[in-house]
Amino acid sequence: MGGGRGGAGFLLMGATDHVSLLIAGAVVNCVGTGLLLPSLLTLALSRLGFADRGRGTGLWTAAFFLGEFACPLALLAA
């Protein structure tokens, strides 16, 4: 559900030269990602037992934000 909207937003942003369509693509992408992230977290935590879900949530959140921090640095280095 969310992944399709996120991908459609990326396609729209990449295919346009107009600022208004770029903003519309960013909005579509953010809505799709906003739907996708809770679904991914639920899927990942469904495999853990109830007693381990708090630790799993913390590890998932830490890994997510580490990726958000490291991605721009890696792109700048490239």
N, C-alpha and C. Protein backbone atom coordinates (compact mmCIF):
# COMPACT_ATOMS: atom_id res chain seq x y z
N MET A 1 0.82 -1.18 0.00
CA MET A 1 0.00 0.00 0.00
C MET A 1 0.87 1.25 0.00
N GLY A 2 1.66 1.46 1.04
CA GLY A 2 2.47 2.65 1.15
C GLY A 2 3.65 2.66 0.20
N GLY A 3 4.22 1.47 -0.06
CA GLY A 3 5.38 1.39 -0.94
C GLY A 3 5.08 1.87 -2.34
N GLY A 4 3.90 1.58 -2.84
CA GLY A 4 3.52 2.02 -4.18
C GLY A 4 3.41 3.53 -4.25
N ARG A 5 2.86 4.12 -3.20
CA ARG A 5 2.75 5.59 -3.20
C ARG A 5 4.11 6.23 -3.06
N GLY A 6 4.98 5.63 -2.24
CA GLY A 6 6.33 6.17 -2.10
C GLY A 6 7.08 6.10 -3.41
N GLY A 7 6.96 4.98 -4.12
CA GLY A 7 7.61 4.83 -5.41
C GLY A 7 7.05 5.78 -6.45
N ALA A 8 5.73 5.96 -6.44
CA ALA A 8 5.10 6.89 -7.38
C ALA A 8 5.58 8.32 -7.12
N GLY A 9 5.75 8.67 -5.85
CA GLY A 9 6.27 9.99 -5.53
C GLY A 9 7.69 10.19 -6.03
N PHE A 10 8.53 9.14 -5.87
CA PHE A 10 9.89 9.23 -6.39
C PHE A 10 9.89 9.37 -7.91
N LEU A 11 9.04 8.62 -8.59
CA LEU A 11 8.97 8.72 -10.05
C LEU A 11 8.53 10.11 -10.49
N LEU A 12 7.55 10.65 -9.81
CA LEU A 12 7.07 11.99 -10.16
C LEU A 12 8.15 13.04 -9.92
N MET A 13 8.87 12.92 -8.80
CA MET A 13 9.94 13.88 -8.52
C MET A 13 11.07 13.77 -9.55
N GLY A 14 11.38 12.57 -9.98
CA GLY A 14 12.46 12.40 -10.94
C GLY A 14 12.11 12.77 -12.36
N ALA A 15 10.83 12.80 -12.68
CA ALA A 15 10.42 13.02 -14.06
C ALA A 15 10.01 14.46 -14.37
N THR A 16 10.05 15.33 -13.39
CA THR A 16 9.54 16.67 -13.63
C THR A 16 10.63 17.73 -13.51
N ASP A 17 10.38 18.84 -14.17
CA ASP A 17 11.24 20.01 -14.06
C ASP A 17 10.52 21.18 -13.39
N HIS A 18 9.27 20.97 -13.00
CA HIS A 18 8.46 22.03 -12.41
C HIS A 18 8.43 21.89 -10.90
N VAL A 19 8.55 23.02 -10.22
CA VAL A 19 8.59 23.01 -8.75
C VAL A 19 7.28 22.50 -8.16
N SER A 20 6.16 22.88 -8.75
CA SER A 20 4.87 22.46 -8.20
C SER A 20 4.70 20.94 -8.28
N LEU A 21 5.12 20.33 -9.37
CA LEU A 21 5.04 18.87 -9.47
C LEU A 21 6.06 18.19 -8.57
N LEU A 22 7.20 18.81 -8.36
CA LEU A 22 8.19 18.29 -7.45
C LEU A 22 7.64 18.26 -6.02
N ILE A 23 6.97 19.32 -5.63
CA ILE A 23 6.36 19.37 -4.30
C ILE A 23 5.24 18.35 -4.19
N ALA A 24 4.43 18.20 -5.23
CA ALA A 24 3.37 17.19 -5.21
C ALA A 24 3.96 15.79 -5.10
N GLY A 25 5.04 15.52 -5.82
CA GLY A 25 5.70 14.22 -5.72
C GLY A 25 6.26 13.97 -4.34
N ALA A 26 6.81 15.01 -3.71
CA ALA A 26 7.33 14.87 -2.35
C ALA A 26 6.22 14.57 -1.36
N VAL A 27 5.08 15.22 -1.53
CA VAL A 27 3.93 14.95 -0.65
C VAL A 27 3.44 13.52 -0.82
N VAL A 28 3.31 13.07 -2.05
CA VAL A 28 2.88 11.69 -2.31
C VAL A 28 3.88 10.71 -1.71
N ASN A 29 5.17 10.99 -1.88
CA ASN A 29 6.21 10.13 -1.32
C ASN A 29 6.14 10.08 0.20
N CYS A 30 5.95 11.21 0.83
CA CYS A 30 5.88 11.25 2.30
C CYS A 30 4.65 10.53 2.83
N VAL A 31 3.54 10.64 2.15
CA VAL A 31 2.34 9.90 2.57
C VAL A 31 2.58 8.40 2.44
N GLY A 32 3.18 7.99 1.34
CA GLY A 32 3.47 6.57 1.16
C GLY A 32 4.43 6.04 2.20
N THR A 33 5.47 6.81 2.49
CA THR A 33 6.44 6.40 3.50
C THR A 33 5.81 6.40 4.89
N GLY A 34 4.95 7.34 5.14
CA GLY A 34 4.25 7.38 6.43
C GLY A 34 3.37 6.17 6.65
N LEU A 35 2.83 5.61 5.58
CA LEU A 35 2.05 4.39 5.69
C LEU A 35 2.93 3.15 5.75
N LEU A 36 4.08 3.22 5.10
CA LEU A 36 4.95 2.05 4.99
C LEU A 36 5.72 1.76 6.28
N LEU A 37 6.23 2.78 6.95
CA LEU A 37 7.08 2.56 8.12
C LEU A 37 6.36 1.84 9.26
N PRO A 38 5.15 2.24 9.66
CA PRO A 38 4.48 1.47 10.71
C PRO A 38 4.18 0.03 10.29
N SER A 39 3.91 -0.18 9.01
CA SER A 39 3.67 -1.54 8.53
C SER A 39 4.93 -2.39 8.63
N LEU A 40 6.08 -1.81 8.29
CA LEU A 40 7.35 -2.54 8.41
C LEU A 40 7.67 -2.85 9.86
N LEU A 41 7.44 -1.90 10.75
CA LEU A 41 7.70 -2.13 12.16
C LEU A 41 6.79 -3.23 12.71
N THR A 42 5.53 -3.21 12.34
CA THR A 42 4.60 -4.25 12.78
C THR A 42 5.02 -5.61 12.26
N LEU A 43 5.44 -5.67 11.01
CA LEU A 43 5.90 -6.93 10.44
C LEU A 43 7.14 -7.45 11.16
N ALA A 44 8.08 -6.57 11.43
CA ALA A 44 9.32 -6.98 12.10
C ALA A 44 9.05 -7.45 13.52
N LEU A 45 8.17 -6.76 14.24
CA LEU A 45 7.91 -7.11 15.63
C LEU A 45 6.97 -8.30 15.78
N SER A 46 6.24 -8.64 14.76
CA SER A 46 5.32 -9.77 14.86
C SER A 46 6.06 -11.09 15.05
N ARG A 47 7.35 -11.11 14.68
CA ARG A 47 8.15 -12.33 14.83
C ARG A 47 8.76 -12.45 16.21
N LEU A 48 8.67 -11.41 17.02
CA LEU A 48 9.24 -11.44 18.36
C LEU A 48 8.18 -11.79 19.39
N GLY A 49 8.62 -12.38 20.47
CA GLY A 49 7.70 -12.65 21.57
C GLY A 49 7.32 -11.35 22.27
N PHE A 50 6.24 -11.40 23.05
CA PHE A 50 5.74 -10.19 23.71
C PHE A 50 6.81 -9.58 24.62
N ALA A 51 7.57 -10.39 25.32
CA ALA A 51 8.57 -9.89 26.26
C ALA A 51 9.73 -9.20 25.55
N ASP A 52 9.96 -9.49 24.28
CA ASP A 52 11.09 -8.92 23.55
C ASP A 52 10.71 -7.77 22.62
N ARG A 53 9.45 -7.41 22.58
CA ARG A 53 9.02 -6.38 21.62
C ARG A 53 9.53 -4.99 21.96
N GLY A 54 9.68 -4.67 23.23
CA GLY A 54 10.22 -3.36 23.60
C GLY A 54 11.66 -3.21 23.15
N ARG A 55 12.46 -4.24 23.38
CA ARG A 55 13.86 -4.23 22.94
C ARG A 55 13.93 -4.19 21.42
N GLY A 56 13.07 -4.95 20.76
CA GLY A 56 13.05 -4.96 19.29
C GLY A 56 12.67 -3.61 18.72
N THR A 57 11.71 -2.93 19.36
CA THR A 57 11.32 -1.60 18.91
C THR A 57 12.47 -0.62 19.04
N GLY A 58 13.19 -0.69 20.15
CA GLY A 58 14.33 0.19 20.36
C GLY A 58 15.44 -0.06 19.35
N LEU A 59 15.73 -1.32 19.09
CA LEU A 59 16.78 -1.65 18.11
C LEU A 59 16.37 -1.23 16.71
N TRP A 60 15.11 -1.43 16.36
CA TRP A 60 14.63 -1.04 15.03
C TRP A 60 14.71 0.47 14.87
N THR A 61 14.29 1.21 15.91
CA THR A 61 14.33 2.67 15.85
C THR A 61 15.77 3.18 15.77
N ALA A 62 16.66 2.58 16.56
CA ALA A 62 18.07 2.99 16.52
C ALA A 62 18.67 2.73 15.14
N ALA A 63 18.39 1.57 14.56
CA ALA A 63 18.92 1.26 13.23
C ALA A 63 18.35 2.20 12.18
N PHE A 64 17.08 2.53 12.29
CA PHE A 64 16.45 3.44 11.34
C PHE A 64 17.10 4.82 11.38
N PHE A 65 17.27 5.35 12.58
CA PHE A 65 17.86 6.69 12.68
C PHE A 65 19.35 6.69 12.38
N LEU A 66 20.05 5.59 12.63
CA LEU A 66 21.44 5.49 12.22
C LEU A 66 21.54 5.55 10.69
N GLY A 67 20.62 4.87 10.02
CA GLY A 67 20.58 4.93 8.56
C GLY A 67 20.27 6.32 8.05
N GLU A 68 19.34 7.01 8.71
CA GLU A 68 19.03 8.38 8.31
C GLU A 68 20.22 9.31 8.51
N PHE A 69 21.02 9.04 9.52
CA PHE A 69 22.20 9.87 9.77
C PHE A 69 23.31 9.55 8.78
N ALA A 70 23.54 8.27 8.53
CA ALA A 70 24.67 7.85 7.70
C ALA A 70 24.42 8.04 6.20
N CYS A 71 23.19 7.99 5.75
CA CYS A 71 22.90 8.06 4.32
C CYS A 71 23.37 9.38 3.70
N PRO A 72 23.05 10.55 4.26
CA PRO A 72 23.55 11.78 3.64
C PRO A 72 25.07 11.87 3.65
N LEU A 73 25.70 11.37 4.70
CA LEU A 73 27.15 11.39 4.75
C LEU A 73 27.76 10.52 3.67
N ALA A 74 27.16 9.34 3.46
CA ALA A 74 27.64 8.44 2.42
C ALA A 74 27.44 9.05 1.03
N LEU A 75 26.30 9.71 0.83
CA LEU A 75 26.05 10.35 -0.47
C LEU A 75 27.01 11.52 -0.71
N LEU A 76 27.31 12.27 0.32
CA LEU A 76 28.27 13.38 0.16
C LEU A 76 29.66 12.84 -0.13
N ALA A 77 30.03 11.74 0.51
CA ALA A 77 31.34 11.16 0.27
C ALA A 77 31.45 10.60 -1.16
N ALA A 78 30.34 10.08 -1.68
CA ALA A 78 30.36 9.52 -3.03
C ALA A 78 30.39 10.65 -4.05
